[in-house]
Amino acid sequence: MDENGRLSEEFVIDGLKWRIKIKTEVSGTTKYLCVFLRHEKDTADYLAEVSQHFTIFDKNGRRLMGSMSCDYYTKNSNEFGCSSILRWNGNGNGFGFDVNHWEKDFIRIECEFDYKLYDFSNNPAIFSDGVIKIGNDEIHINKGYYCAFSKFFIENFGKNNNTQITINDVKSDDMLMLLASLLPDPIHITSRNYDALMDMSEKFDVPMLIQKCDEHFKKHQCSNLLSRISYAEIPTPKKRRKTVVPEENAKIKELIGSLKRGKEFKWLFEQYAFKEFEDSTKLQIYKASTKFL
């Protein structure tokens, strides 16, 4: 424990050094456990996706809380990198802890997490006609990537008003959420998959779009970040084709562009949105026995 009441430890996995800092905060009747994580290459050239799973134990080894997943991205944003916050309070919300007994009951946290590190140091983002590229490839945001990942690129690489992101597999609900998160100006969305785009236009009308997004954010208890989204009805195509021909590219761009014209609505969603990867392999790379007593 350091002089500011924070636990700070370092560990190494796959040759990469990580530092974890844990501290507690109180706001009103709510107790916060703040977990800060940073890796040694935490700069603009690297992005780490981290999925954490916490388990809380008391001093007798009894589990006080089952695992909770806190997903976020580390980047060079503050002293410790980005943070996950677990909340307990005494009014029946949160995880049901009595804040008056929280410190004496809590003795340690076991933390296991998965991570993926993206290295852009030797393959930096390249701007070409307003299309975001990594090396010679356009960025493809596929199923499993939610809005937090896309926002990272928008905030860090999408600095002009003609930013375009190429999206595949817009049939999936994952892509629907991502598409919705990208609609505010100045983001324009294109798709190389004509059939998938048409599937979406037929399957999801605007009320369904609102409903599905609302269900998604409620399911994952999302809150705290206000998003402005513009939308419009997508016209049903007269004819669908199995392949994409060059002249259809303009139609696709026009179709997606129409999403930006129409009414506006707002919702609240979590700053670091829930995400999952089908090929994710859990790595139990760190367990901390943290004594606060």
C-alpha atoms as a PDB file:
ATOM      1  CA  MET A   1       0.000   0.000   0.000  1.00  0.00           C
ATOM      2  CA  ASP A   2       1.432   3.388  -0.924  1.00  0.00           C
ATOM      3  CA  GLU A   3       1.177   6.659   0.985  1.00  0.00           C
ATOM      4  CA  ASN A   4      -2.113   7.523  -0.736  1.00  0.00           C
ATOM      5  CA  GLY A   5      -3.833   4.308   0.329  1.00  0.00           C
ATOM      6  CA  ARG A   6      -3.378   2.585  -3.038  1.00  0.00           C
ATOM      7  CA  LEU A   7      -2.102  -0.886  -3.608  1.00  0.00           C
ATOM      8  CA  SER A   8       0.370  -0.990  -6.467  1.00  0.00           C
ATOM      9  CA  GLU A   9       1.881  -4.147  -7.904  1.00  0.00           C
ATOM     10  CA  GLU A  10       3.587  -5.170 -11.126  1.00  0.00           C
ATOM     11  CA  PHE A  11       3.463  -8.472 -12.955  1.00  0.00           C
ATOM     12  CA  VAL A  12       4.688  -9.840 -16.279  1.00  0.00           C
ATOM     13  CA  ILE A  13       2.903 -12.004 -18.836  1.00  0.00           C
ATOM     14  CA  ASP A  14       4.253 -12.943 -22.254  1.00  0.00           C
ATOM     15  CA  GLY A  15       7.161 -10.603 -21.604  1.00  0.00           C
ATOM     16  CA  LEU A  16       4.871  -7.593 -21.175  1.00  0.00           C
ATOM     17  CA  LYS A  17       5.008  -5.735 -17.881  1.00  0.00           C
ATOM     18  CA  TRP A  18       1.703  -4.630 -16.345  1.00  0.00           C
ATOM     19  CA  ARG A  19       1.003  -2.482 -13.302  1.00  0.00           C
ATOM     20  CA  ILE A  20      -2.205  -2.713 -11.312  1.00  0.00           C
ATOM     21  CA  LYS A  21      -3.282  -0.118  -8.756  1.00  0.00           C
ATOM     22  CA  ILE A  22      -6.271  -0.581  -6.467  1.00  0.00           C
ATOM     23  CA  LYS A  23      -7.831   2.012  -4.182  1.00  0.00           C
ATOM     24  CA  THR A  24     -11.146   2.641  -2.430  1.00  0.00           C
ATOM     25  CA  GLU A  25     -13.319   5.737  -2.537  1.00  0.00           C
ATOM     26  CA  VAL A  26     -16.565   6.749  -0.836  1.00  0.00           C
ATOM     27  CA  SER A  27     -19.229   9.000  -2.330  1.00  0.00           C
ATOM     28  CA  GLY A  28     -22.350   9.395  -0.198  1.00  0.00           C
ATOM     29  CA  THR A  29     -23.567   5.895   0.680  1.00  0.00           C
ATOM     30  CA  THR A  30     -21.625   4.286  -2.141  1.00  0.00           C
ATOM     31  CA  LYS A  31     -18.269   2.579  -1.732  1.00  0.00           C
ATOM     32  CA  TYR A  32     -16.085   2.357  -4.824  1.00  0.00           C
ATOM     33  CA  LEU A  33     -13.296  -0.084  -5.508  1.00  0.00           C
ATOM     34  CA  CYS A  34     -11.233   1.460  -8.286  1.00  0.00           C
ATOM     35  CA  VAL A  35      -8.892  -0.759 -10.269  1.00  0.00           C
ATOM     36  CA  PHE A  36      -6.355   0.989 -12.481  1.00  0.00           C
ATOM     37  CA  LEU A  37      -4.404  -1.021 -15.014  1.00  0.00           C
ATOM     38  CA  ARG A  38      -1.593  -0.008 -17.322  1.00  0.00           C
ATOM     39  CA  HIS A  39       0.950  -1.827 -19.448  1.00  0.00           C
ATOM     40  CA  GLU A  40       4.488  -0.685 -20.130  1.00  0.00           C
ATOM     41  CA  LYS A  41       3.720   0.142 -23.769  1.00  0.00           C
ATOM     42  CA  ASP A  42       0.707   2.262 -22.897  1.00  0.00           C
ATOM     43  CA  THR A  43       1.154   4.898 -25.571  1.00  0.00           C
ATOM     44  CA  ALA A  44      -0.713   6.120 -28.629  1.00  0.00           C
ATOM     45  CA  ASP A  45       1.030   3.377 -30.644  1.00  0.00           C
ATOM     46  CA  TYR A  46      -0.524   0.546 -28.632  1.00  0.00           C
ATOM     47  CA  LEU A  47      -4.047  -0.377 -27.662  1.00  0.00           C
ATOM     48  CA  ALA A  48      -4.921  -3.093 -25.159  1.00  0.00           C
ATOM     49  CA  GLU A  49      -8.359  -4.655 -24.906  1.00  0.00           C
ATOM     50  CA  VAL A  50      -8.803  -5.943 -21.374  1.00  0.00           C
ATOM     51  CA  SER A  51     -11.627  -8.028 -19.957  1.00  0.00           C
ATOM     52  CA  GLN A  52     -11.421  -8.371 -16.189  1.00  0.00           C
ATOM     53  CA  HIS A  53     -13.217 -10.736 -13.840  1.00  0.00           C
ATOM     54  CA  PHE A  54     -13.164  -9.910 -10.151  1.00  0.00           C
ATOM     55  CA  THR A  55     -13.988 -12.092  -7.164  1.00  0.00           C
ATOM     56  CA  ILE A  56     -14.194 -10.578  -3.672  1.00  0.00           C
ATOM     57  CA  PHE A  57     -13.352 -12.554  -0.503  1.00  0.00           C
ATOM     58  CA  ASP A  58     -13.605 -11.797   3.211  1.00  0.00           C
ATOM     59  CA  LYS A  59     -10.874 -12.354   5.802  1.00  0.00           C
ATOM     60  CA  ASN A  60     -12.065 -15.934   6.396  1.00  0.00           C
ATOM     61  CA  GLY A  61     -11.807 -16.824   2.728  1.00  0.00           C
ATOM     62  CA  ARG A  62     -15.581 -16.666   2.200  1.00  0.00           C
ATOM     63  CA  ARG A  63     -16.616 -15.344  -1.199  1.00  0.00           C
ATOM     64  CA  LEU A  64     -18.511 -12.090  -0.772  1.00  0.00           C
ATOM     65  CA  MET A  65     -19.278 -11.616  -4.423  1.00  0.00           C
ATOM     66  CA  GLY A  66     -19.160 -13.743  -7.524  1.00  0.00           C
ATOM     67  CA  SER A  67     -17.094 -12.761 -10.530  1.00  0.00           C
ATOM     68  CA  MET A  68     -17.974  -9.525 -12.231  1.00  0.00           C
ATOM     69  CA  SER A  69     -16.720  -8.590 -15.655  1.00  0.00           C
ATOM     70  CA  CYS A  70     -15.350  -5.106 -16.204  1.00  0.00           C
ATOM     71  CA  ASP A  71     -14.290  -4.478 -19.773  1.00  0.00           C
ATOM     72  CA  TYR A  72     -12.281  -1.495 -20.869  1.00  0.00           C
ATOM     73  CA  TYR A  73      -9.402  -0.295 -22.971  1.00  0.00           C
ATOM     74  CA  THR A  74      -6.124   1.043 -21.696  1.00  0.00           C
ATOM     75  CA  LYS A  75      -4.543   3.952 -23.449  1.00  0.00           C
ATOM     76  CA  ASN A  76      -2.374   6.899 -22.520  1.00  0.00           C
ATOM     77  CA  SER A  77      -5.157   8.904 -20.859  1.00  0.00           C
ATOM     78  CA  ASN A  78      -4.080   9.523 -17.265  1.00  0.00           C
ATOM     79  CA  GLU A  79      -1.554   8.553 -14.621  1.00  0.00           C
ATOM     80  CA  PHE A  80      -2.720   4.972 -14.290  1.00  0.00           C
ATOM     81  CA  GLY A  81      -4.343   4.272 -17.622  1.00  0.00           C
ATOM     82  CA  CYS A  82      -8.076   3.583 -17.662  1.00  0.00           C
ATOM     83  CA  SER A  83     -10.013   2.230 -14.717  1.00  0.00           C
ATOM     84  CA  SER A  84     -12.762  -0.205 -13.824  1.00  0.00           C
ATOM     85  CA  ILE A  85     -15.007   0.705 -10.922  1.00  0.00           C
ATOM     86  CA  LEU A  86     -16.971  -1.733  -8.780  1.00  0.00           C
ATOM     87  CA  ARG A  87     -19.701  -0.252  -6.589  1.00  0.00           C
ATOM     88  CA  TRP A  88     -21.303  -1.300  -3.324  1.00  0.00           C
ATOM     89  CA  ASN A  89     -23.815   0.649  -1.258  1.00  0.00           C
ATOM     90  CA  GLY A  90     -26.152   0.196   1.670  1.00  0.00           C
ATOM     91  CA  ASN A  91     -29.543   0.907   0.087  1.00  0.00           C
ATOM     92  CA  GLY A  92     -30.130  -2.402  -1.676  1.00  0.00           C
ATOM     93  CA  ASN A  93     -28.609  -1.433  -4.989  1.00  0.00           C
ATOM     94  CA  GLY A  94     -25.259  -2.425  -6.385  1.00  0.00           C
ATOM     95  CA  PHE A  95     -24.107  -5.716  -4.938  1.00  0.00           C
ATOM     96  CA  GLY A  96     -25.890  -5.367  -1.615  1.00  0.00           C
ATOM     97  CA  PHE A  97     -22.899  -4.600   0.603  1.00  0.00           C
ATOM     98  CA  ASP A  98     -23.465  -2.686   3.824  1.00  0.00           C
ATOM     99  CA  VAL A  99     -21.124   0.231   3.399  1.00  0.00           C
ATOM    100  CA  ASN A 100     -20.569   0.453   7.156  1.00  0.00           C
ATOM    101  CA  HIS A 101     -19.102  -3.057   7.229  1.00  0.00           C
ATOM    102  CA  TRP A 102     -17.510  -3.038   3.820  1.00  0.00           C
ATOM    103  CA  GLU A 103     -13.897  -2.417   4.841  1.00  0.00           C
ATOM    104  CA  LYS A 104     -13.772  -4.868   7.719  1.00  0.00           C
ATOM    105  CA  ASP A 105     -15.413  -7.637   5.644  1.00  0.00           C
ATOM    106  CA  PHE A 106     -13.327  -7.106   2.563  1.00  0.00           C
ATOM    107  CA  ILE A 107      -9.851  -8.601   2.614  1.00  0.00           C
ATOM    108  CA  ARG A 108      -8.787  -9.455  -0.896  1.00  0.00           C
ATOM    109  CA  ILE A 109      -9.689  -9.367  -4.527  1.00  0.00           C
ATOM    110  CA  GLU A 110      -8.787 -12.033  -7.064  1.00  0.00           C
ATOM    111  CA  CYS A 111      -8.507 -10.635 -10.524  1.00  0.00           C
ATOM    112  CA  GLU A 112      -8.127 -12.602 -13.729  1.00  0.00           C
ATOM    113  CA  PHE A 113      -8.347 -11.031 -17.131  1.00  0.00           C
ATOM    114  CA  ASP A 114      -7.853 -11.526 -20.834  1.00  0.00           C
ATOM    115  CA  TYR A 115      -6.059  -9.053 -23.001  1.00  0.00           C
ATOM    116  CA  LYS A 116      -5.141  -8.377 -26.590  1.00  0.00           C
ATOM    117  CA  LEU A 117      -2.423  -5.883 -27.426  1.00  0.00           C
ATOM    118  CA  TYR A 118      -2.526  -4.067 -30.755  1.00  0.00           C
ATOM    119  CA  ASP A 119       0.804  -2.761 -31.982  1.00  0.00           C
ATOM    120  CA  PHE A 120       0.669   0.221 -34.340  1.00  0.00           C
ATOM    121  CA  SER A 121       4.226   1.374 -33.665  1.00  0.00           C
ATOM    122  CA  ASN A 122       5.629  -0.068 -36.897  1.00  0.00           C
ATOM    123  CA  ASN A 123       2.396   0.069 -38.861  1.00  0.00           C
ATOM    124  CA  PRO A 124       0.829   3.443 -38.080  1.00  0.00           C
ATOM    125  CA  ALA A 125      -2.567   4.649 -39.149  1.00  0.00           C
ATOM    126  CA  ILE A 126      -2.468   6.126 -42.646  1.00  0.00           C
ATOM    127  CA  PHE A 127      -4.961   8.671 -43.889  1.00  0.00           C
ATOM    128  CA  SER A 128      -5.972   8.319 -47.532  1.00  0.00           C
ATOM    129  CA  ASP A 129      -8.923  10.236 -48.937  1.00  0.00           C
ATOM    130  CA  GLY A 130     -10.556  10.307 -45.527  1.00  0.00           C
ATOM    131  CA  VAL A 131     -10.618   6.527 -45.151  1.00  0.00           C
ATOM    132  CA  ILE A 132      -9.028   5.197 -41.992  1.00  0.00           C
ATOM    133  CA  LYS A 133      -6.350   2.638 -42.763  1.00  0.00           C
ATOM    134  CA  ILE A 134      -3.995   0.476 -40.777  1.00  0.00           C
ATOM    135  CA  GLY A 135      -0.994  -0.099 -42.978  1.00  0.00           C
ATOM    136  CA  ASN A 136      -2.392  -0.784 -46.420  1.00  0.00           C
ATOM    137  CA  ASP A 137      -5.657  -2.189 -45.123  1.00  0.00           C
ATOM    138  CA  GLU A 138      -8.859  -0.370 -44.360  1.00  0.00           C
ATOM    139  CA  ILE A 139     -10.087  -0.844 -40.819  1.00  0.00           C
ATOM    140  CA  HIS A 140     -12.640  -3.633 -40.692  1.00  0.00           C
ATOM    141  CA  ILE A 141     -14.800  -3.719 -37.597  1.00  0.00           C
ATOM    142  CA  ASN A 142     -16.259  -7.204 -37.468  1.00  0.00           C
ATOM    143  CA  LYS A 143     -18.706  -9.008 -35.239  1.00  0.00           C
ATOM    144  CA  GLY A 144     -17.722  -8.729 -31.600  1.00  0.00           C
ATOM    145  CA  TYR A 145     -16.389  -5.184 -31.671  1.00  0.00           C
ATOM    146  CA  TYR A 146     -18.661  -2.756 -29.879  1.00  0.00           C
ATOM    147  CA  CYS A 147     -18.727   1.004 -29.884  1.00  0.00           C
ATOM    148  CA  ALA A 148     -15.881   1.497 -27.396  1.00  0.00           C
ATOM    149  CA  PHE A 149     -13.391   0.105 -29.901  1.00  0.00           C
ATOM    150  CA  SER A 150     -14.735   2.185 -32.777  1.00  0.00           C
ATOM    151  CA  LYS A 151     -14.723   5.304 -30.619  1.00  0.00           C
ATOM    152  CA  PHE A 152     -11.029   4.798 -29.919  1.00  0.00           C
ATOM    153  CA  PHE A 153     -10.237   5.035 -33.614  1.00  0.00           C
ATOM    154  CA  ILE A 154     -12.618   7.914 -34.171  1.00  0.00           C
ATOM    155  CA  GLU A 155     -11.138   9.894 -31.316  1.00  0.00           C
ATOM    156  CA  ASN A 156      -7.535   9.145 -32.209  1.00  0.00           C
ATOM    157  CA  PHE A 157      -7.494   8.781 -35.982  1.00  0.00           C
ATOM    158  CA  GLY A 158     -10.723  10.275 -37.318  1.00  0.00           C
ATOM    159  CA  LYS A 159      -9.680  13.899 -37.211  1.00  0.00           C
ATOM    160  CA  ASN A 160     -11.170  15.094 -40.497  1.00  0.00           C
ATOM    161  CA  ASN A 161     -14.783  15.520 -41.541  1.00  0.00           C
ATOM    162  CA  ASN A 162     -14.663  12.793 -44.174  1.00  0.00           C
ATOM    163  CA  THR A 163     -13.768   9.879 -41.951  1.00  0.00           C
ATOM    164  CA  GLN A 164     -15.135   6.613 -43.274  1.00  0.00           C
ATOM    165  CA  ILE A 165     -15.032   3.232 -41.614  1.00  0.00           C
ATOM    166  CA  THR A 166     -15.611   0.047 -43.581  1.00  0.00           C
ATOM    167  CA  ILE A 167     -17.882  -2.381 -41.783  1.00  0.00           C
ATOM    168  CA  ASN A 168     -18.442  -6.054 -42.567  1.00  0.00           C
ATOM    169  CA  ASP A 169     -21.140  -8.444 -41.366  1.00  0.00           C
ATOM    170  CA  VAL A 170     -23.831  -5.888 -40.640  1.00  0.00           C
ATOM    171  CA  LYS A 171     -26.310  -8.764 -40.356  1.00  0.00           C
ATOM    172  CA  SER A 172     -25.331  -9.358 -36.756  1.00  0.00           C
ATOM    173  CA  ASP A 173     -26.818  -7.620 -33.725  1.00  0.00           C
ATOM    174  CA  ASP A 174     -23.253  -6.695 -32.752  1.00  0.00           C
ATOM    175  CA  MET A 175     -22.903  -4.751 -35.967  1.00  0.00           C
ATOM    176  CA  LEU A 176     -26.266  -3.116 -35.494  1.00  0.00           C
ATOM    177  CA  MET A 177     -25.091  -1.702 -32.169  1.00  0.00           C
ATOM    178  CA  LEU A 178     -21.822  -0.599 -33.667  1.00  0.00           C
ATOM    179  CA  LEU A 179     -23.523   0.967 -36.665  1.00  0.00           C
ATOM    180  CA  ALA A 180     -25.817   2.904 -34.362  1.00  0.00           C
ATOM    181  CA  SER A 181     -22.870   4.140 -32.296  1.00  0.00           C
ATOM    182  CA  LEU A 182     -21.162   5.543 -35.388  1.00  0.00           C
ATOM    183  CA  LEU A 183     -24.033   7.534 -36.826  1.00  0.00           C
ATOM    184  CA  PRO A 184     -23.358  10.986 -35.288  1.00  0.00           C
ATOM    185  CA  ASP A 185     -21.542  13.501 -37.500  1.00  0.00           C
ATOM    186  CA  PRO A 186     -18.946  13.507 -38.903  1.00  0.00           C
ATOM    187  CA  ILE A 187     -18.861   9.736 -39.268  1.00  0.00           C
ATOM    188  CA  HIS A 188     -19.928   8.149 -42.537  1.00  0.00           C
ATOM    189  CA  ILE A 189     -20.323   4.404 -42.878  1.00  0.00           C
ATOM    190  CA  THR A 190     -19.857   2.241 -45.956  1.00  0.00           C
ATOM    191  CA  SER A 191     -20.177  -1.477 -46.466  1.00  0.00           C
ATOM    192  CA  ARG A 192     -18.667  -3.805 -49.026  1.00  0.00           C
ATOM    193  CA  ASN A 193     -21.371  -6.380 -48.447  1.00  0.00           C
ATOM    194  CA  TYR A 194     -24.438  -5.369 -50.438  1.00  0.00           C
ATOM    195  CA  ASP A 195     -26.532  -8.369 -49.403  1.00  0.00           C
ATOM    196  CA  ALA A 196     -25.758  -7.883 -45.725  1.00  0.00           C
ATOM    197  CA  LEU A 197     -26.645  -4.214 -45.952  1.00  0.00           C
ATOM    198  CA  MET A 198     -29.926  -5.050 -47.615  1.00  0.00           C
ATOM    199  CA  ASP A 199     -30.644  -7.710 -44.995  1.00  0.00           C
ATOM    200  CA  MET A 200     -30.265  -5.061 -42.337  1.00  0.00           C
ATOM    201  CA  SER A 201     -32.538  -2.619 -44.147  1.00  0.00           C
ATOM    202  CA  GLU A 202     -35.261  -5.226 -44.382  1.00  0.00           C
ATOM    203  CA  LYS A 203     -34.825  -6.734 -40.940  1.00  0.00           C
ATOM    204  CA  PHE A 204     -34.464  -3.639 -38.778  1.00  0.00           C
ATOM    205  CA  ASP A 205     -36.752  -0.656 -39.146  1.00  0.00           C
ATOM    206  CA  VAL A 206     -36.143   2.424 -37.029  1.00  0.00           C
ATOM    207  CA  PRO A 207     -38.396   1.441 -34.079  1.00  0.00           C
ATOM    208  CA  MET A 208     -36.672  -1.942 -33.989  1.00  0.00           C
ATOM    209  CA  LEU A 209     -33.285  -0.226 -34.074  1.00  0.00           C
ATOM    210  CA  ILE A 210     -34.223   1.839 -31.038  1.00  0.00           C
ATOM    211  CA  GLN A 211     -35.660  -1.176 -29.236  1.00  0.00           C
ATOM    212  CA  LYS A 212     -32.669  -3.434 -29.863  1.00  0.00           C
ATOM    213  CA  CYS A 213     -30.169  -0.777 -28.808  1.00  0.00           C
ATOM    214  CA  ASP A 214     -32.205  -0.025 -25.700  1.00  0.00           C
ATOM    215  CA  GLU A 215     -32.372  -3.734 -24.822  1.00  0.00           C
ATOM    216  CA  HIS A 216     -28.636  -4.084 -25.362  1.00  0.00           C
ATOM    217  CA  PHE A 217     -27.693  -1.206 -23.096  1.00  0.00           C
ATOM    218  CA  LYS A 218     -30.177  -2.186 -20.392  1.00  0.00           C
ATOM    219  CA  LYS A 219     -28.920  -5.787 -20.440  1.00  0.00           C
ATOM    220  CA  HIS A 220     -25.386  -4.656 -19.733  1.00  0.00           C
ATOM    221  CA  GLN A 221     -26.432  -1.950 -17.250  1.00  0.00           C
ATOM    222  CA  CYS A 222     -25.036   0.771 -19.445  1.00  0.00           C
ATOM    223  CA  SER A 223     -25.179   4.375 -18.337  1.00  0.00           C
ATOM    224  CA  ASN A 224     -23.219   7.601 -17.950  1.00  0.00           C
ATOM    225  CA  LEU A 225     -22.372   8.628 -21.524  1.00  0.00           C
ATOM    226  CA  LEU A 226     -24.826  10.599 -23.647  1.00  0.00           C
ATOM    227  CA  SER A 227     -24.805   9.705 -27.330  1.00  0.00           C
ATOM    228  CA  ARG A 228     -26.452  11.670 -30.102  1.00  0.00           C
ATOM    229  CA  ILE A 229     -27.627   9.513 -32.963  1.00  0.00           C
ATOM    230  CA  SER A 230     -29.222  10.569 -36.247  1.00  0.00           C
ATOM    231  CA  TYR A 231     -31.254   8.087 -38.197  1.00  0.00           C
ATOM    232  CA  ALA A 232     -33.685   7.756 -41.086  1.00  0.00           C
ATOM    233  CA  GLU A 233     -35.722   5.027 -42.725  1.00  0.00           C
ATOM    234  CA  ILE A 234     -33.659   2.784 -45.010  1.00  0.00           C
ATOM    235  CA  PRO A 235     -35.442   2.231 -48.335  1.00  0.00           C
ATOM    236  CA  THR A 236     -36.229  -1.365 -49.197  1.00  0.00           C
ATOM    237  CA  PRO A 237     -34.256  -2.372 -52.313  1.00  0.00           C
ATOM    238  CA  LYS A 238     -36.223  -3.389 -55.384  1.00  0.00           C
ATOM    239  CA  LYS A 239     -33.827  -6.170 -56.191  1.00  0.00           C
ATOM    240  CA  ARG A 240     -31.174  -8.017 -54.248  1.00  0.00           C
ATOM    241  CA  ARG A 241     -28.056  -9.463 -55.780  1.00  0.00           C
ATOM    242  CA  LYS A 242     -25.612 -12.081 -54.668  1.00  0.00           C
ATOM    243  CA  THR A 243     -22.524 -10.092 -55.510  1.00  0.00           C
ATOM    244  CA  VAL A 244     -21.410  -6.494 -55.245  1.00  0.00           C
ATOM    245  CA  VAL A 245     -20.768  -4.747 -58.542  1.00  0.00           C
ATOM    246  CA  PRO A 246     -18.896  -1.434 -58.816  1.00  0.00           C
ATOM    247  CA  GLU A 247     -21.943   0.680 -59.611  1.00  0.00           C
ATOM    248  CA  GLU A 248     -23.570  -0.507 -56.396  1.00  0.00           C
ATOM    249  CA  ASN A 249     -20.883   1.081 -54.272  1.00  0.00           C
ATOM    250  CA  ALA A 250     -22.358   4.513 -54.905  1.00  0.00           C
ATOM    251  CA  LYS A 251     -25.807   3.195 -54.001  1.00  0.00           C
ATOM    252  CA  ILE A 252     -24.479   1.794 -50.755  1.00  0.00           C
ATOM    253  CA  LYS A 253     -22.831   5.070 -49.821  1.00  0.00           C
ATOM    254  CA  GLU A 254     -26.011   6.957 -50.653  1.00  0.00           C
ATOM    255  CA  LEU A 255     -28.069   4.497 -48.640  1.00  0.00           C
ATOM    256  CA  ILE A 256     -25.884   4.781 -45.570  1.00  0.00           C
ATOM    257  CA  GLY A 257     -25.699   8.533 -46.042  1.00  0.00           C
ATOM    258  CA  SER A 258     -29.481   8.630 -45.779  1.00  0.00           C
ATOM    259  CA  LEU A 259     -29.127   7.353 -42.223  1.00  0.00           C
ATOM    260  CA  LYS A 260     -27.654  10.704 -41.345  1.00  0.00           C
ATOM    261  CA  ARG A 261     -30.761  12.582 -42.482  1.00  0.00           C
ATOM    262  CA  GLY A 262     -33.810  12.336 -40.279  1.00  0.00           C
ATOM    263  CA  LYS A 263     -34.998  12.683 -36.707  1.00  0.00           C
ATOM    264  CA  GLU A 264     -32.682  12.511 -33.744  1.00  0.00           C
ATOM    265  CA  PHE A 265     -32.920  10.669 -30.447  1.00  0.00           C
ATOM    266  CA  LYS A 266     -30.658  10.209 -27.471  1.00  0.00           C
ATOM    267  CA  TRP A 267     -29.871   7.505 -24.980  1.00  0.00           C
ATOM    268  CA  LEU A 268     -27.402   6.849 -22.192  1.00  0.00           C
ATOM    269  CA  PHE A 269     -24.860   4.121 -22.541  1.00  0.00           C
ATOM    270  CA  GLU A 270     -21.722   3.001 -20.774  1.00  0.00           C
ATOM    271  CA  GLN A 271     -18.460   4.690 -21.690  1.00  0.00           C
ATOM    272  CA  TYR A 272     -16.748   1.355 -22.072  1.00  0.00           C
ATOM    273  CA  ALA A 273     -19.418  -0.777 -23.725  1.00  0.00           C
ATOM    274  CA  PHE A 274     -19.687  -4.507 -23.204  1.00  0.00           C
ATOM    275  CA  LYS A 275     -17.903  -6.580 -25.808  1.00  0.00           C
ATOM    276  CA  GLU A 276     -16.986 -10.179 -26.456  1.00  0.00           C
ATOM    277  CA  PHE A 277     -14.836 -12.064 -28.916  1.00  0.00           C
ATOM    278  CA  GLU A 278     -15.658 -15.510 -30.203  1.00  0.00           C
ATOM    279  CA  ASP A 279     -11.982 -16.430 -30.366  1.00  0.00           C
ATOM    280  CA  SER A 280     -11.152 -15.062 -26.931  1.00  0.00           C
ATOM    281  CA  THR A 281      -9.109 -17.335 -24.677  1.00  0.00           C
ATOM    282  CA  LYS A 282      -9.096 -16.565 -20.987  1.00  0.00           C
ATOM    283  CA  LEU A 283      -5.649 -16.084 -19.521  1.00  0.00           C
ATOM    284  CA  GLN A 284      -5.419 -16.231 -15.763  1.00  0.00           C
ATOM    285  CA  ILE A 285      -2.473 -13.933 -15.597  1.00  0.00           C
ATOM    286  CA  TYR A 286      -2.828 -12.212 -12.258  1.00  0.00           C
ATOM    287  CA  LYS A 287      -4.291 -12.854  -8.822  1.00  0.00           C
ATOM    288  CA  ALA A 288      -3.922 -10.236  -6.136  1.00  0.00           C
ATOM    289  CA  SER A 289      -4.295 -10.925  -2.420  1.00  0.00           C
ATOM    290  CA  THR A 290      -4.990  -7.414  -1.239  1.00  0.00           C
ATOM    291  CA  LYS A 291      -5.071  -6.761   2.508  1.00  0.00           C
ATOM    292  CA  PHE A 292      -6.902  -3.565   3.411  1.00  0.00           C
ATOM    293  CA  LEU A 293      -7.276  -4.314   7.116  1.00  0.00           C
END
